[in-house]
Amino acid sequence: MTNDPYAVLRALLRAEAARNAPKEQVPQVKEPKPQRPPEEPGR
């Protein structure tokens, strides 16, 4: 066990900050949804 009583608090704050940080460095690639042709009304 560590002697630093604030180690857990710092780890939680670091994780929360990383979770809320803007993700500009890592662009997320979304899977393209298959495009369906628009259904014609009245069919």
PDB file of N, CA and C in Angstrom:
ATOM      1  N   MET A   1       0.848  -1.188   0.000  1.00  0.00           N
ATOM      2  CA  MET A   1       0.000   0.000   0.000  1.00  0.00           C
ATOM      3  C   MET A   1       0.887   1.243   0.000  1.00  0.00           C
ATOM      4  N   THR A   2       0.394   2.238  -0.696  1.00  0.00           N
ATOM      5  CA  THR A   2       1.200   3.456  -0.814  1.00  0.00           C
ATOM      6  C   THR A   2       1.083   4.331   0.435  1.00  0.00           C
ATOM      7  N   ASN A   3       2.064   5.168   0.650  1.00  0.00           N
ATOM      8  CA  ASN A   3       2.040   6.071   1.793  1.00  0.00           C
ATOM      9  C   ASN A   3       1.343   7.383   1.473  1.00  0.00           C
ATOM     10  N   ASP A   4       0.918   7.560   0.219  1.00  0.00           N
ATOM     11  CA  ASP A   4       0.299   8.805  -0.205  1.00  0.00           C
ATOM     12  C   ASP A   4      -1.223   8.695  -0.076  1.00  0.00           C
ATOM     13  N   PRO A   5      -1.821   9.369   0.885  1.00  0.00           N
ATOM     14  CA  PRO A   5      -3.275   9.252   1.057  1.00  0.00           C
ATOM     15  C   PRO A   5      -4.060   9.916  -0.065  1.00  0.00           C
ATOM     16  N   TYR A   6      -3.416  10.783  -0.860  1.00  0.00           N
ATOM     17  CA  TYR A   6      -4.117  11.485  -1.927  1.00  0.00           C
ATOM     18  C   TYR A   6      -3.906  10.845  -3.303  1.00  0.00           C
ATOM     19  N   ALA A   7      -3.234   9.716  -3.339  1.00  0.00           N
ATOM     20  CA  ALA A   7      -2.957   9.078  -4.629  1.00  0.00           C
ATOM     21  C   ALA A   7      -4.255   8.675  -5.330  1.00  0.00           C
ATOM     22  N   VAL A   8      -5.197   8.125  -4.583  1.00  0.00           N
ATOM     23  CA  VAL A   8      -6.465   7.697  -5.187  1.00  0.00           C
ATOM     24  C   VAL A   8      -7.247   8.906  -5.677  1.00  0.00           C
ATOM     25  N   LEU A   9      -7.266   9.964  -4.869  1.00  0.00           N
ATOM     26  CA  LEU A   9      -7.978  11.174  -5.276  1.00  0.00           C
ATOM     27  C   LEU A   9      -7.385  11.755  -6.554  1.00  0.00           C
ATOM     28  N   ARG A  10      -6.064  11.803  -6.633  1.00  0.00           N
ATOM     29  CA  ARG A  10      -5.424  12.322  -7.849  1.00  0.00           C
ATOM     30  C   ARG A  10      -5.737  11.447  -9.045  1.00  0.00           C
ATOM     31  N   ALA A  11      -5.736  10.129  -8.853  1.00  0.00           N
ATOM     32  CA  ALA A  11      -6.033   9.221  -9.959  1.00  0.00           C
ATOM     33  C   ALA A  11      -7.470   9.424 -10.443  1.00  0.00           C
ATOM     34  N   LEU A  12      -8.400   9.606  -9.510  1.00  0.00           N
ATOM     35  CA  LEU A  12      -9.792   9.828  -9.905  1.00  0.00           C
ATOM     36  C   LEU A  12      -9.947  11.154 -10.649  1.00  0.00           C
ATOM     37  N   LEU A  13      -9.288  12.192 -10.160  1.00  0.00           N
ATOM     38  CA  LEU A  13      -9.374  13.480 -10.841  1.00  0.00           C
ATOM     39  C   LEU A  13      -8.737  13.421 -12.224  1.00  0.00           C
ATOM     40  N   ARG A  14      -7.632  12.702 -12.336  1.00  0.00           N
ATOM     41  CA  ARG A  14      -6.962  12.572 -13.634  1.00  0.00           C
ATOM     42  C   ARG A  14      -7.853  11.815 -14.614  1.00  0.00           C
ATOM     43  N   ALA A  15      -8.499  10.762 -14.133  1.00  0.00           N
ATOM     44  CA  ALA A  15      -9.375   9.977 -15.008  1.00  0.00           C
ATOM     45  C   ALA A  15     -10.584  10.807 -15.437  1.00  0.00           C
ATOM     46  N   GLU A  16     -11.143  11.572 -14.515  1.00  0.00           N
ATOM     47  CA  GLU A  16     -12.300  12.406 -14.847  1.00  0.00           C
ATOM     48  C   GLU A  16     -11.912  13.494 -15.846  1.00  0.00           C
ATOM     49  N   ALA A  17     -10.741  14.090 -15.660  1.00  0.00           N
ATOM     50  CA  ALA A  17     -10.289  15.125 -16.590  1.00  0.00           C
ATOM     51  C   ALA A  17     -10.053  14.538 -17.978  1.00  0.00           C
ATOM     52  N   ALA A  18      -9.481  13.352 -18.038  1.00  0.00           N
ATOM     53  CA  ALA A  18      -9.243  12.705 -19.329  1.00  0.00           C
ATOM     54  C   ALA A  18     -10.563  12.344 -19.996  1.00  0.00           C
ATOM     55  N   ARG A  19     -11.554  11.951 -19.189  1.00  0.00           N
ATOM     56  CA  ARG A  19     -12.844  11.568 -19.747  1.00  0.00           C
ATOM     57  C   ARG A  19     -13.578  12.774 -20.313  1.00  0.00           C
ATOM     58  N   ASN A  20     -13.408  13.938 -19.682  1.00  0.00           N
ATOM     59  CA  ASN A  20     -14.127  15.138 -20.115  1.00  0.00           C
ATOM     60  C   ASN A  20     -13.329  15.988 -21.091  1.00  0.00           C
ATOM     61  N   ALA A  21     -12.109  15.593 -21.383  1.00  0.00           N
ATOM     62  CA  ALA A  21     -11.282  16.395 -22.287  1.00  0.00           C
ATOM     63  C   ALA A  21     -11.795  16.253 -23.718  1.00  0.00           C
ATOM     64  N   PRO A  22     -11.673  17.311 -24.516  1.00  0.00           N
ATOM     65  CA  PRO A  22     -12.073  17.191 -25.927  1.00  0.00           C
ATOM     66  C   PRO A  22     -11.165  16.215 -26.652  1.00  0.00           C
ATOM     67  N   LYS A  23     -11.753  15.414 -27.518  1.00  0.00           N
ATOM     68  CA  LYS A  23     -11.006  14.348 -28.189  1.00  0.00           C
ATOM     69  C   LYS A  23     -10.530  14.815 -29.563  1.00  0.00           C
ATOM     70  N   GLU A  24      -9.814  15.936 -29.618  1.00  0.00           N
ATOM     71  CA  GLU A  24      -9.351  16.438 -30.909  1.00  0.00           C
ATOM     72  C   GLU A  24      -8.142  15.677 -31.420  1.00  0.00           C
ATOM     73  N   GLN A  25      -7.317  15.146 -30.499  1.00  0.00           N
ATOM     74  CA  GLN A  25      -6.093  14.468 -30.920  1.00  0.00           C
ATOM     75  C   GLN A  25      -6.403  13.131 -31.593  1.00  0.00           C
ATOM     76  N   VAL A  26      -7.468  12.449 -31.133  1.00  0.00           N
ATOM     77  CA  VAL A  26      -7.786  11.129 -31.660  1.00  0.00           C
ATOM     78  C   VAL A  26      -9.123  11.201 -32.390  1.00  0.00           C
ATOM     79  N   PRO A  27      -9.092  11.355 -33.705  1.00  0.00           N
ATOM     80  CA  PRO A  27     -10.370  11.394 -34.426  1.00  0.00           C
ATOM     81  C   PRO A  27     -11.027  10.021 -34.420  1.00  0.00           C
ATOM     82  N   GLN A  28     -12.282   9.994 -33.985  1.00  0.00           N
ATOM     83  CA  GLN A  28     -12.987   8.719 -33.926  1.00  0.00           C
ATOM     84  C   GLN A  28     -13.601   8.436 -35.294  1.00  0.00           C
ATOM     85  N   VAL A  29     -13.345   7.258 -35.800  1.00  0.00           N
ATOM     86  CA  VAL A  29     -13.872   6.869 -37.104  1.00  0.00           C
ATOM     87  C   VAL A  29     -15.190   6.156 -36.873  1.00  0.00           C
ATOM     88  N   LYS A  30     -16.268   6.809 -37.290  1.00  0.00           N
ATOM     89  CA  LYS A  30     -17.576   6.178 -37.141  1.00  0.00           C
ATOM     90  C   LYS A  30     -17.833   5.289 -38.339  1.00  0.00           C
ATOM     91  N   GLU A  31     -18.435   4.147 -38.075  1.00  0.00           N
ATOM     92  CA  GLU A  31     -18.747   3.235 -39.172  1.00  0.00           C
ATOM     93  C   GLU A  31     -19.867   3.832 -40.003  1.00  0.00           C
ATOM     94  N   PRO A  32     -19.682   3.907 -41.307  1.00  0.00           N
ATOM     95  CA  PRO A  32     -20.751   4.468 -42.137  1.00  0.00           C
ATOM     96  C   PRO A  32     -21.959   3.539 -42.150  1.00  0.00           C
ATOM     97  N   LYS A  33     -23.120   4.142 -41.920  1.00  0.00           N
ATOM     98  CA  LYS A  33     -24.344   3.332 -41.949  1.00  0.00           C
ATOM     99  C   LYS A  33     -24.716   3.088 -43.405  1.00  0.00           C
ATOM    100  N   PRO A  34     -25.223   1.917 -43.719  1.00  0.00           N
ATOM    101  CA  PRO A  34     -25.637   1.660 -45.109  1.00  0.00           C
ATOM    102  C   PRO A  34     -26.774   2.585 -45.494  1.00  0.00           C
ATOM    103  N   GLN A  35     -26.612   3.227 -46.628  1.00  0.00           N
ATOM    104  CA  GLN A  35     -27.614   4.189 -47.073  1.00  0.00           C
ATOM    105  C   GLN A  35     -28.760   3.452 -47.763  1.00  0.00           C
ATOM    106  N   ARG A  36     -29.971   3.706 -47.255  1.00  0.00           N
ATOM    107  CA  ARG A  36     -31.149   3.141 -47.908  1.00  0.00           C
ATOM    108  C   ARG A  36     -31.775   4.208 -48.780  1.00  0.00           C
ATOM    109  N   PRO A  37     -32.246   3.838 -49.952  1.00  0.00           N
ATOM    110  CA  PRO A  37     -32.950   4.843 -50.763  1.00  0.00           C
ATOM    111  C   PRO A  37     -34.220   5.267 -50.053  1.00  0.00           C
ATOM    112  N   PRO A  38     -34.615   6.519 -50.121  1.00  0.00           N
ATOM    113  CA  PRO A  38     -35.834   6.967 -49.433  1.00  0.00           C
ATOM    114  C   PRO A  38     -37.052   6.266 -49.998  1.00  0.00           C
ATOM    115  N   GLU A  39     -37.913   5.827 -49.085  1.00  0.00           N
ATOM    116  CA  GLU A  39     -39.128   5.130 -49.530  1.00  0.00           C
ATOM    117  C   GLU A  39     -40.094   6.130 -50.142  1.00  0.00           C
ATOM    118  N   GLU A  40     -40.693   5.718 -51.258  1.00  0.00           N
ATOM    119  CA  GLU A  40     -41.642   6.604 -51.917  1.00  0.00           C
ATOM    120  C   GLU A  40     -42.997   6.508 -51.214  1.00  0.00           C
ATOM    121  N   PRO A  41     -43.636   7.634 -50.959  1.00  0.00           N
ATOM    122  CA  PRO A  41     -44.950   7.577 -50.287  1.00  0.00           C
ATOM    123  C   PRO A  41     -46.019   6.986 -51.209  1.00  0.00           C
ATOM    124  N   GLY A  42     -46.949   6.268 -50.599  1.00  0.00           N
ATOM    125  CA  GLY A  42     -48.047   5.700 -51.377  1.00  0.00           C
ATOM    126  C   GLY A  42     -47.737   4.341 -51.962  1.00  0.00           C
ATOM    127  N   ARG A  43     -46.659   3.712 -51.543  1.00  0.00           N
ATOM    128  CA  ARG A  43     -46.370   2.378 -52.093  1.00  0.00           C
ATOM    129  C   ARG A  43     -46.617   1.324 -51.064  1.00  0.00           C
TER     130      ARG A  43
END
